[in-house]
Amino acid sequence: MLRLSPSHLILLVVAVIWGGGFVAQKSGLDNLGPYSFNTARFILATLSLVPVWFYMRRGLLSEERSNDRRCFWVGGVVAGVLLTAGLSMQQVGLQYTTAGNAGFITGMYIVIVPVLGLLFFKQKTRWVTWAGIVLAVLGLYQLSVAPGSSIFSMNYGDGLQLIGALFWALHVLTLGWLARRVNDLVGLSAVQFAVCAVASYILMLSFEEQVVQWDDFSAELVPLLYSGVMASGVAFTLQIIGQRGVASEIAALILSFEAVFALLTGILFLGESFGARELVGCGLMMSGILLTLWPEKQMR
């Protein structure tokens, strides 16, 4: 039997929501620059959590709030900086490489997470998890990299994507560590979003030459609402909650399944194609996740 827990299912829901977020992001960038989009996105994400945060804080004892206060604020800022860095490397790198290469290299954080977890937190990874990661990487390659292309001749954009994958891995590990030490997870998520909003605004003023008008934001209201409220406010918060009960390397593997749901939403809403290569990729990724969730003692 599979070892499915509520935490596993929560992370799978996150992957589904993030998969739909690719369509929203692609549409939202028609009228907005990447940093403008992220500024609005994370302002909405922060605002969507504020009422929930104040409501849930009433259920926390004052002793609980004071015990994790330093970890809460410092951890929220660190998580926000890592999230901003990962998004920025991804978006800037896309200007110099293909979307397929970017998707594959970014997805390599599923390999980086267990390596960094061993180096920094002494977290050992089961052999079956490594086998699942290998299958998932092969599946991700099938989904992301077009036939005849290669990711082995890396250019400047590929290098930025690899740096971004490092930040994504650090973000997953940081949230996994914080989820077990902070009681107020919704508040923690709100803090990281606020940091992202401020950092994205600074990046917007520094690097975007386009003067953004209110009409530009209103034209992309639906993509912004989905990206801000669902893909950020809901999904990133659920990620923290889900990671409380799942090892970081397993969480990264489940979250990488967003590539499959991104493909499905692209087919449904953007008319993108689906062939044998994509089918094999989805099958490999699904096999990798199922293998990881299967109890090791039943394989002997």
Protein backbone atom coordinates (compact mmCIF):
# COMPACT_ATOMS: atom_id res chain seq x y z
CA MET A 1 0.00 0.00 0.00
CA LEU A 2 1.11 3.56 -0.69
CA ARG A 3 2.08 5.70 2.30
CA LEU A 4 -0.22 8.63 1.53
CA SER A 5 -0.71 11.11 4.35
CA PRO A 6 -2.66 14.39 4.44
CA SER A 7 0.67 16.19 3.97
CA HIS A 8 1.33 14.30 0.73
CA LEU A 9 -2.13 15.20 -0.56
CA ILE A 10 -1.70 18.86 0.42
CA LEU A 11 1.56 19.06 -1.54
CA LEU A 12 -0.11 17.40 -4.53
CA VAL A 13 -2.83 20.08 -4.42
CA VAL A 14 -0.04 22.69 -4.42
CA ALA A 15 1.44 21.10 -7.57
CA VAL A 16 -1.98 21.24 -9.26
CA ILE A 17 -2.44 24.93 -8.40
CA TRP A 18 1.10 25.82 -9.50
CA GLY A 19 0.56 23.95 -12.77
CA GLY A 20 -2.33 26.27 -13.58
CA GLY A 21 -0.17 29.21 -12.57
CA PHE A 22 2.00 28.84 -15.67
CA VAL A 23 -0.93 29.79 -17.89
CA ALA A 24 -1.72 32.78 -15.67
CA GLN A 25 1.90 33.95 -15.66
CA LYS A 26 2.22 33.59 -19.42
CA SER A 27 -0.94 35.64 -19.95
CA GLY A 28 -0.04 38.22 -17.30
CA LEU A 29 3.27 39.12 -18.95
CA ASP A 30 1.46 40.39 -22.07
CA ASN A 31 1.10 43.86 -20.53
CA LEU A 32 3.39 43.78 -17.49
CA GLY A 33 7.09 43.31 -16.94
CA PRO A 34 8.16 40.36 -14.77
CA TYR A 35 8.96 42.46 -11.71
CA SER A 36 5.80 44.55 -12.08
CA PHE A 37 3.80 41.34 -12.29
CA ASN A 38 5.51 39.91 -9.21
CA THR A 39 5.03 43.14 -7.24
CA ALA A 40 1.28 43.07 -7.82
CA ARG A 41 1.15 39.30 -7.36
CA PHE A 42 2.75 39.32 -3.93
CA ILE A 43 0.85 42.39 -2.74
CA LEU A 44 -2.33 40.43 -3.49
CA ALA A 45 -0.87 37.34 -1.83
CA THR A 46 -0.05 39.29 1.33
CA LEU A 47 -3.45 40.98 1.47
CA SER A 48 -5.25 37.67 0.93
CA LEU A 49 -3.59 36.22 4.04
CA VAL A 50 -3.86 39.18 6.42
CA PRO A 51 -7.47 38.54 7.54
CA VAL A 52 -6.79 34.79 7.83
CA TRP A 53 -3.63 35.54 9.83
CA PHE A 54 -5.42 37.75 12.38
CA TYR A 55 -8.25 35.26 12.73
CA MET A 56 -5.93 32.30 13.32
CA ARG A 57 -3.66 34.19 15.72
CA ARG A 58 -6.51 34.22 18.22
CA GLY A 59 -6.17 30.45 18.45
CA LEU A 60 -2.47 30.64 19.36
CA LEU A 61 -1.49 31.05 22.98
CA SER A 62 0.63 34.11 23.77
CA GLU A 63 3.35 31.75 25.02
CA GLU A 64 3.40 29.96 21.65
CA ARG A 65 3.68 33.28 19.80
CA SER A 66 6.55 34.52 21.94
CA ASN A 67 8.55 31.27 21.82
CA ASP A 68 8.92 31.29 18.05
CA ARG A 69 8.92 35.07 17.45
CA ARG A 70 12.56 35.36 16.36
CA CYS A 71 12.38 32.26 14.18
CA PHE A 72 9.11 33.56 12.73
CA TRP A 73 10.39 36.96 11.62
CA VAL A 74 13.92 36.00 10.60
CA GLY A 75 12.68 32.85 8.88
CA GLY A 76 9.96 34.74 7.02
CA VAL A 77 12.46 37.30 5.72
CA VAL A 78 14.95 34.61 4.66
CA ALA A 79 12.22 32.61 2.91
CA GLY A 80 11.02 35.77 1.13
CA VAL A 81 14.52 36.64 -0.08
CA LEU A 82 15.10 33.08 -1.35
CA LEU A 83 11.73 33.06 -3.12
CA THR A 84 12.44 36.42 -4.78
CA ALA A 85 15.91 35.26 -5.85
CA GLY A 86 14.56 32.04 -7.36
CA LEU A 87 11.84 33.87 -9.29
CA SER A 88 14.24 36.57 -10.49
CA MET A 89 16.86 34.12 -11.77
CA GLN A 90 14.13 32.18 -13.54
CA GLN A 91 12.63 35.20 -15.26
CA VAL A 92 15.88 36.89 -16.26
CA GLY A 93 17.31 33.59 -17.46
CA LEU A 94 14.31 33.06 -19.73
CA GLN A 95 15.51 36.01 -21.82
CA TYR A 96 18.64 34.05 -22.80
CA THR A 97 17.51 30.43 -23.04
CA THR A 98 14.54 28.35 -24.17
CA ALA A 99 11.50 27.73 -22.00
CA GLY A 100 12.19 23.99 -22.22
CA ASN A 101 15.74 24.30 -20.92
CA ALA A 102 14.54 26.68 -18.21
CA GLY A 103 11.85 24.26 -17.07
CA PHE A 104 14.22 21.31 -16.96
CA ILE A 105 17.11 23.08 -15.22
CA THR A 106 14.78 24.69 -12.67
CA GLY A 107 13.30 21.27 -11.97
CA MET A 108 16.75 20.02 -11.03
CA TYR A 109 16.13 21.41 -7.56
CA ILE A 110 14.67 17.99 -6.77
CA VAL A 111 18.25 16.67 -6.98
CA ILE A 112 19.80 19.63 -5.15
CA VAL A 113 17.42 19.41 -2.16
CA PRO A 114 18.62 16.01 -0.83
CA VAL A 115 22.27 16.94 -1.49
CA LEU A 116 22.00 20.19 0.47
CA GLY A 117 19.88 18.47 3.10
CA LEU A 118 22.70 16.01 3.71
CA LEU A 119 25.37 18.73 3.79
CA PHE A 120 23.59 21.23 6.04
CA PHE A 121 21.05 19.22 8.05
CA LYS A 122 22.56 15.69 7.98
CA GLN A 123 19.34 14.43 6.37
CA LYS A 124 19.84 11.01 4.82
CA THR A 125 17.83 10.05 1.74
CA ARG A 126 16.55 6.49 1.15
CA TRP A 127 17.79 4.67 -1.94
CA VAL A 128 14.21 4.34 -3.18
CA THR A 129 13.84 8.13 -3.02
CA TRP A 130 16.97 8.56 -5.16
CA ALA A 131 15.51 6.06 -7.65
CA GLY A 132 12.30 8.08 -7.74
CA ILE A 133 14.27 11.29 -8.28
CA VAL A 134 16.12 9.75 -11.25
CA LEU A 135 12.82 8.71 -12.86
CA ALA A 136 11.35 12.17 -12.23
CA VAL A 137 14.39 13.89 -13.79
CA LEU A 138 14.11 11.68 -16.89
CA GLY A 139 10.40 12.47 -17.10
CA LEU A 140 11.03 16.18 -16.67
CA TYR A 141 13.58 16.03 -19.50
CA GLN A 142 10.99 14.42 -21.78
CA LEU A 143 8.44 17.11 -20.92
CA SER A 144 10.75 20.12 -21.10
CA VAL A 145 13.50 19.63 -23.68
CA ALA A 146 12.51 19.46 -27.34
CA PRO A 147 13.89 16.63 -29.53
CA GLY A 148 17.27 17.58 -30.99
CA SER A 149 17.93 20.14 -28.26
CA SER A 150 20.57 19.79 -25.58
CA ILE A 151 21.01 21.12 -22.08
CA PHE A 152 24.64 20.05 -21.92
CA SER A 153 25.95 23.08 -23.85
CA MET A 154 24.95 25.64 -21.23
CA ASN A 155 24.69 29.34 -22.06
CA TYR A 156 24.31 32.40 -19.83
CA GLY A 157 20.57 31.88 -19.40
CA ASP A 158 21.03 28.23 -18.48
CA GLY A 159 23.55 29.26 -15.83
CA LEU A 160 21.05 31.70 -14.32
CA GLN A 161 18.42 28.95 -14.26
CA LEU A 162 20.85 26.66 -12.43
CA ILE A 163 21.50 29.39 -9.84
CA GLY A 164 17.74 29.78 -9.56
CA ALA A 165 17.36 26.03 -8.97
CA LEU A 166 19.81 26.39 -6.07
CA PHE A 167 17.64 29.14 -4.55
CA TRP A 168 14.49 27.02 -5.03
CA ALA A 169 16.18 24.12 -3.25
CA LEU A 170 17.24 26.38 -0.38
CA HIS A 171 13.68 27.72 -0.19
CA VAL A 172 12.22 24.21 0.12
CA LEU A 173 14.76 23.27 2.80
CA THR A 174 14.17 26.51 4.70
CA LEU A 175 10.40 26.03 4.73
CA GLY A 176 10.82 22.42 5.81
CA TRP A 177 12.99 23.55 8.74
CA LEU A 178 10.68 26.42 9.71
CA ALA A 179 7.49 24.35 9.43
CA ARG A 180 8.60 22.24 12.40
CA ARG A 181 9.60 25.21 14.57
CA VAL A 182 7.00 27.91 13.91
CA ASN A 183 3.40 27.64 15.10
CA ASP A 184 1.97 30.50 13.06
CA LEU A 185 2.47 29.11 9.53
CA VAL A 186 -0.05 31.43 7.87
CA GLY A 187 1.70 34.45 9.36
CA LEU A 188 5.06 33.08 8.26
CA SER A 189 3.75 32.80 4.71
CA ALA A 190 2.39 36.36 4.83
CA VAL A 191 5.79 37.68 5.94
CA GLN A 192 7.61 35.98 3.06
CA PHE A 193 5.06 37.42 0.61
CA ALA A 194 5.50 40.93 1.99
CA VAL A 195 9.28 40.60 1.58
CA CYS A 196 8.75 39.38 -2.00
CA ALA A 197 6.48 42.33 -2.77
CA VAL A 198 9.01 44.89 -1.47
CA ALA A 199 11.97 43.19 -3.17
CA SER A 200 10.08 42.88 -6.48
CA TYR A 201 9.13 46.56 -6.31
CA ILE A 202 12.79 47.53 -5.83
CA LEU A 203 13.77 45.31 -8.77
CA MET A 204 10.98 46.85 -10.87
CA LEU A 205 12.26 50.37 -10.22
CA SER A 206 15.84 49.28 -10.90
CA PHE A 207 15.52 47.22 -14.06
CA GLU A 208 12.21 47.84 -15.84
CA GLU A 209 12.18 50.78 -18.23
CA GLN A 210 8.49 50.50 -19.04
CA VAL A 211 6.27 52.93 -17.10
CA VAL A 212 3.43 50.81 -15.77
CA GLN A 213 -0.07 52.32 -15.79
CA TRP A 214 -3.11 51.27 -13.81
CA ASP A 215 -4.73 50.10 -17.06
CA ASP A 216 -1.88 47.59 -17.49
CA PHE A 217 -2.72 46.00 -14.14
CA SER A 218 -6.48 46.03 -14.74
CA ALA A 219 -5.97 44.36 -18.14
CA GLU A 220 -4.29 41.43 -16.38
CA LEU A 221 -6.64 41.28 -13.40
CA VAL A 222 -7.63 37.62 -13.81
CA PRO A 223 -4.04 36.29 -14.18
CA LEU A 224 -2.96 38.48 -11.27
CA LEU A 225 -5.78 37.24 -9.04
CA TYR A 226 -4.97 33.61 -9.81
CA SER A 227 -1.22 34.09 -9.38
CA GLY A 228 -1.59 36.26 -6.29
CA VAL A 229 -4.40 34.59 -4.38
CA MET A 230 -4.29 30.97 -5.58
CA ALA A 231 -0.75 30.21 -6.80
CA SER A 232 0.85 32.33 -4.06
CA GLY A 233 -1.49 33.05 -1.14
CA VAL A 234 -3.09 29.60 -1.06
CA ALA A 235 -0.45 27.35 -2.64
CA PHE A 236 2.70 28.62 -0.93
CA THR A 237 0.90 28.57 2.43
CA LEU A 238 -0.26 25.01 1.84
CA GLN A 239 3.33 24.15 0.91
CA ILE A 240 4.52 25.20 4.36
CA ILE A 241 1.70 23.28 6.05
CA GLY A 242 2.37 20.18 3.93
CA GLN A 243 6.10 20.26 4.54
CA ARG A 244 5.53 20.00 8.29
CA GLY A 245 4.76 16.29 7.85
CA VAL A 246 6.97 15.35 4.87
CA ALA A 247 10.74 15.19 4.39
CA SER A 248 12.07 18.00 2.22
CA GLU A 249 13.33 15.72 -0.57
CA ILE A 250 9.92 14.00 -0.82
CA ALA A 251 8.19 17.38 -0.82
CA ALA A 252 10.42 18.60 -3.66
CA LEU A 253 9.63 15.50 -5.70
CA ILE A 254 5.87 15.87 -5.27
CA LEU A 255 6.01 19.61 -6.01
CA SER A 256 7.94 18.93 -9.23
CA PHE A 257 4.78 17.25 -10.52
CA GLU A 258 3.57 20.77 -11.30
CA ALA A 259 5.28 20.26 -14.69
CA VAL A 260 2.68 17.63 -15.57
CA PHE A 261 -0.23 19.83 -14.51
CA ALA A 262 1.33 22.79 -16.35
CA LEU A 263 1.33 20.66 -19.50
CA LEU A 264 -2.30 19.67 -18.97
CA THR A 265 -3.47 23.25 -18.40
CA GLY A 266 -1.47 24.35 -21.45
CA ILE A 267 -3.33 21.77 -23.53
CA LEU A 268 -6.72 22.79 -22.13
CA PHE A 269 -6.37 26.59 -22.21
CA LEU A 270 -3.58 27.39 -24.68
CA GLY A 271 -4.11 24.66 -27.26
CA GLU A 272 -0.61 23.22 -26.79
CA SER A 273 0.19 19.80 -28.27
CA PHE A 274 0.45 16.47 -26.45
CA GLY A 275 2.30 13.55 -28.01
CA ALA A 276 4.08 10.32 -27.17
CA ARG A 277 7.09 12.15 -25.73
CA GLU A 278 4.90 14.07 -23.27
CA LEU A 279 3.03 10.87 -22.37
CA VAL A 280 6.31 9.09 -21.58
CA GLY A 281 7.46 12.09 -19.52
CA CYS A 282 4.27 12.13 -17.46
CA GLY A 283 4.52 8.37 -16.92
CA LEU A 284 8.12 8.58 -15.72
CA MET A 285 7.36 11.40 -13.29
CA MET A 286 4.32 9.58 -11.93
CA SER A 287 6.37 6.39 -11.54
CA GLY A 288 9.07 8.30 -9.66
CA ILE A 289 6.59 9.75 -7.19
CA LEU A 290 4.74 6.45 -6.68
CA LEU A 291 8.04 4.62 -6.14
CA THR A 292 9.05 7.12 -3.48
CA LEU A 293 5.75 6.77 -1.62
CA TRP A 294 5.85 2.96 -1.63
CA PRO A 295 6.99 1.45 1.69
CA GLU A 296 10.57 0.23 1.36
CA LYS A 297 9.93 -2.95 3.36
CA GLN A 298 7.41 -4.14 0.74
CA MET A 299 10.13 -4.04 -1.94
CA ARG A 300 12.36 -6.57 -0.24
